[in-house]
Amino acid sequence: MKPFTKKEAFGVGIIFLAVVLVTFYNLQIALRRSRDSQRKQDLGVISDALHKYNEDFGFFPPSENGKIKACKASNFDDVFKKLTEAKSLDRDIFFEGLRACEWSKDPLANLLDTDYPAYIPLLPGDAMVASGVSYYYLSNSRRFQLYSFLEGEDEEGGYDSGIVERGLPCGSKVCSFGKSSIDTPLDISIEDYEEELNLEVRP
């Protein structure tokens, strides 16, 4: 068998390199799309759980530093005792015994009934948490907005430039996709939206 000349070997090497680069590029695109798909799925799961929480408690968990404030704080036992003595759920007292839940570490559960199944056994976290990317939650207990960053940007379905313009921090990235309670828009703050609603009903 006739061996390759230097020119032929060089040509084969170039073709092989091109195939490797194209394959690597397509693999990176596929992985990126997979991560963005997971982010959308995660927000859907969290949103459903928050609505179930609202059905049971009559309010959404408040937010703190972009996280869901619904996990036991160090003083929760004392707060629980106060609630038991009051024989009714005083939201202000209840909130005093809560801390922000950590993405990927804490569940979203009914803290007043340990036998009740958790709304989410483990809150999802962004696939790029090691790079400082995270989900972002805002709530005034009447409404909520939940956000994530999409790597595909405007090439990815669900990307919202209105959210991007708000400049909300999904960790080290700017949020670009979201879910919210009922009719709450994602491109303005909850406070601004409720002010708009109040203006509409004023005579």
Protein backbone atom coordinates (compact mmCIF):
# COMPACT_ATOMS: atom_id res chain seq x y z
CA MET A 1 0.00 0.00 0.00
CA LYS A 2 1.38 3.32 -1.07
CA PRO A 3 2.05 5.61 1.94
CA PHE A 4 0.63 9.13 2.09
CA THR A 5 2.77 11.92 0.79
CA LYS A 6 3.33 14.85 3.15
CA LYS A 7 0.77 16.90 1.23
CA GLU A 8 -1.84 14.10 1.43
CA ALA A 9 -1.17 13.52 5.12
CA PHE A 10 -1.55 17.24 5.75
CA GLY A 11 -4.88 17.26 3.87
CA VAL A 12 -6.19 14.27 5.85
CA GLY A 13 -5.12 15.97 9.09
CA ILE A 14 -6.99 19.15 8.15
CA ILE A 15 -10.16 17.16 7.35
CA PHE A 16 -9.88 15.22 10.62
CA LEU A 17 -9.40 18.45 12.60
CA ALA A 18 -12.40 20.05 10.89
CA VAL A 19 -14.58 17.05 11.77
CA VAL A 20 -13.43 17.17 15.39
CA LEU A 21 -14.11 20.91 15.64
CA VAL A 22 -17.58 20.60 14.09
CA THR A 23 -18.42 17.68 16.37
CA PHE A 24 -17.18 19.58 19.44
CA TYR A 25 -19.15 22.68 18.44
CA ASN A 26 -22.35 20.70 17.93
CA LEU A 27 -21.81 18.96 21.25
CA GLN A 28 -21.46 22.32 23.03
CA ILE A 29 -24.68 23.55 21.40
CA ALA A 30 -26.50 20.39 22.46
CA LEU A 31 -25.26 20.72 26.05
CA ARG A 32 -26.23 24.38 26.16
CA ARG A 33 -29.72 23.62 24.91
CA SER A 34 -30.03 20.82 27.44
CA ARG A 35 -29.10 23.17 30.29
CA ASP A 36 -31.58 25.82 29.11
CA SER A 37 -34.29 23.18 28.79
CA GLN A 38 -33.57 22.05 32.35
CA ARG A 39 -33.80 25.64 33.59
CA LYS A 40 -37.26 26.04 32.06
CA GLN A 41 -38.34 22.74 33.52
CA ASP A 42 -36.98 23.68 36.96
CA LEU A 43 -38.86 26.98 36.99
CA GLY A 44 -42.05 25.17 36.00
CA VAL A 45 -41.65 22.71 38.87
CA ILE A 46 -40.89 25.48 41.38
CA SER A 47 -43.80 27.59 40.12
CA ASP A 48 -46.24 24.69 40.52
CA ALA A 49 -44.96 24.07 44.05
CA LEU A 50 -45.35 27.75 44.96
CA HIS A 51 -48.95 27.74 43.76
CA LYS A 52 -49.64 24.63 45.83
CA TYR A 53 -48.03 26.37 48.85
CA ASN A 54 -50.34 29.33 48.24
CA GLU A 55 -53.39 27.05 48.13
CA ASP A 56 -52.49 25.65 51.54
CA PHE A 57 -51.33 28.82 53.30
CA GLY A 58 -53.21 31.58 51.50
CA PHE A 59 -50.01 33.38 50.53
CA PHE A 60 -46.77 32.81 48.65
CA PRO A 61 -43.48 32.52 50.54
CA PRO A 62 -41.77 35.91 50.87
CA SER A 63 -38.42 36.50 49.21
CA GLU A 64 -35.05 37.36 50.70
CA ASN A 65 -31.93 38.13 48.68
CA GLY A 66 -33.45 36.54 45.59
CA LYS A 67 -34.35 33.31 47.39
CA ILE A 68 -37.52 31.71 48.72
CA LYS A 69 -37.84 32.53 52.41
CA ALA A 70 -39.59 29.38 53.61
CA CYS A 71 -37.04 27.29 55.53
CA LYS A 72 -36.58 26.95 59.28
CA ALA A 73 -34.47 29.64 60.93
CA SER A 74 -32.62 28.92 64.17
CA ASN A 75 -35.50 30.43 66.18
CA PHE A 76 -38.26 28.50 64.43
CA ASP A 77 -39.16 26.36 67.46
CA ASP A 78 -39.79 29.48 69.54
CA VAL A 79 -41.88 30.98 66.74
CA PHE A 80 -43.83 27.74 66.33
CA LYS A 81 -44.65 27.82 70.06
CA LYS A 82 -45.99 31.37 69.68
CA LEU A 83 -48.13 30.33 66.73
CA THR A 84 -49.50 27.37 68.69
CA GLU A 85 -50.43 29.59 71.61
CA ALA A 86 -52.09 32.07 69.28
CA LYS A 87 -54.15 29.24 67.74
CA SER A 88 -54.06 31.03 64.39
CA LEU A 89 -51.46 31.65 61.70
CA ASP A 90 -50.08 35.13 62.20
CA ARG A 91 -48.03 35.72 59.07
CA ASP A 92 -45.73 38.30 60.63
CA ILE A 93 -44.82 35.97 63.47
CA PHE A 94 -44.46 33.03 61.09
CA PHE A 95 -42.06 34.97 58.85
CA GLU A 96 -39.87 35.78 61.86
CA GLY A 97 -38.99 32.09 62.13
CA LEU A 98 -38.02 31.67 58.49
CA ARG A 99 -34.77 31.97 56.56
CA ALA A 100 -33.99 31.94 52.86
CA CYS A 101 -33.88 28.43 51.38
CA GLU A 102 -30.73 27.50 49.50
CA TRP A 103 -31.05 26.34 45.91
CA SER A 104 -29.97 22.68 45.49
CA LYS A 105 -29.80 22.19 49.26
CA ASP A 106 -33.18 22.76 50.93
CA PRO A 107 -36.70 21.44 50.38
CA LEU A 108 -39.83 23.56 50.05
CA ALA A 109 -42.07 22.09 52.71
CA ASN A 110 -44.97 22.75 55.07
CA LEU A 111 -43.08 23.61 58.26
CA LEU A 112 -46.25 23.52 60.34
CA ASP A 113 -47.03 19.90 59.48
CA THR A 114 -44.02 17.57 59.27
CA ASP A 115 -46.25 14.71 58.03
CA TYR A 116 -47.33 16.72 55.01
CA PRO A 117 -45.45 15.76 51.80
CA ALA A 118 -42.87 18.34 50.73
CA TYR A 119 -43.91 20.59 47.88
CA ILE A 120 -40.41 19.98 46.48
CA PRO A 121 -38.09 17.51 48.27
CA LEU A 122 -35.10 19.50 47.01
CA LEU A 123 -35.25 22.92 45.39
CA PRO A 124 -33.50 22.76 42.00
CA GLY A 125 -30.38 24.80 41.36
CA ASP A 126 -28.88 26.14 38.14
CA ALA A 127 -26.65 23.72 36.23
CA MET A 128 -23.90 26.35 36.23
CA VAL A 129 -23.99 27.06 39.96
CA ALA A 130 -20.22 26.45 40.10
CA SER A 131 -19.85 29.46 37.79
CA GLY A 132 -22.01 31.60 40.05
CA VAL A 133 -25.28 31.29 38.10
CA SER A 134 -28.49 30.90 40.11
CA TYR A 135 -32.25 31.29 40.03
CA TYR A 136 -33.84 34.50 41.34
CA TYR A 137 -37.09 34.83 43.29
CA LEU A 138 -39.12 37.93 44.18
CA SER A 139 -42.34 37.96 46.20
CA ASN A 140 -44.49 40.21 48.37
CA SER A 141 -46.54 37.15 49.46
CA ARG A 142 -49.43 38.15 47.18
CA ARG A 143 -47.53 37.59 43.95
CA PHE A 144 -44.21 36.14 42.88
CA GLN A 145 -41.73 36.36 40.03
CA LEU A 146 -39.19 33.60 39.42
CA TYR A 147 -36.28 34.02 37.01
CA SER A 148 -33.39 32.20 35.36
CA PHE A 149 -30.62 32.94 32.89
CA LEU A 150 -30.75 31.33 29.43
CA GLU A 151 -27.40 30.67 27.75
CA GLY A 152 -28.98 30.60 24.30
CA GLU A 153 -30.20 34.18 24.74
CA ASP A 154 -32.53 35.28 21.92
CA GLU A 155 -31.92 32.00 20.08
CA GLU A 156 -33.66 30.16 22.91
CA GLY A 157 -37.46 29.97 23.14
CA GLY A 158 -38.80 31.88 26.13
CA TYR A 159 -36.00 34.46 26.12
CA ASP A 160 -37.53 37.79 27.18
CA SER A 161 -35.75 41.04 26.35
CA GLY A 162 -38.08 42.86 28.74
CA ILE A 163 -36.70 40.80 31.61
CA VAL A 164 -33.15 41.46 30.44
CA GLU A 165 -33.79 45.22 30.50
CA ARG A 166 -34.61 44.98 34.22
CA GLY A 167 -31.04 43.77 34.84
CA LEU A 168 -32.03 41.31 37.57
CA PRO A 169 -29.11 39.24 38.87
CA CYS A 170 -29.39 35.51 38.27
CA GLY A 171 -26.14 35.14 40.17
CA SER A 172 -23.29 36.24 37.93
CA LYS A 173 -25.59 36.54 34.88
CA VAL A 174 -28.56 38.71 33.94
CA CYS A 175 -31.94 36.97 34.13
CA SER A 176 -33.69 36.45 30.79
CA PHE A 177 -36.53 33.95 31.40
CA GLY A 178 -39.21 33.69 34.04
CA LYS A 179 -42.40 32.34 35.55
CA SER A 180 -44.82 34.23 37.76
CA SER A 181 -48.02 33.98 39.75
CA ILE A 182 -51.19 34.11 37.65
CA ASP A 183 -51.22 37.37 35.65
CA THR A 184 -48.13 39.01 37.14
CA PRO A 185 -45.92 40.39 34.33
CA LEU A 186 -42.21 39.64 34.35
CA ASP A 187 -40.84 42.83 32.79
CA ILE A 188 -41.78 45.20 35.63
CA SER A 189 -41.58 44.98 39.41
CA ILE A 190 -44.43 43.57 41.46
CA GLU A 191 -44.75 46.93 43.21
CA ASP A 192 -45.08 48.83 39.93
CA TYR A 193 -47.63 46.33 38.62
CA GLU A 194 -49.78 46.59 41.74
CA GLU A 195 -49.59 50.38 41.53
CA GLU A 196 -50.88 50.15 37.95
CA LEU A 197 -53.76 47.97 39.14
CA ASN A 198 -54.61 50.48 41.89
CA LEU A 199 -54.66 53.33 39.38
CA GLU A 200 -57.04 51.36 37.14
CA VAL A 201 -59.61 50.86 39.91
CA ARG A 202 -59.48 54.43 41.25
CA PRO A 203 -62.49 56.56 40.22
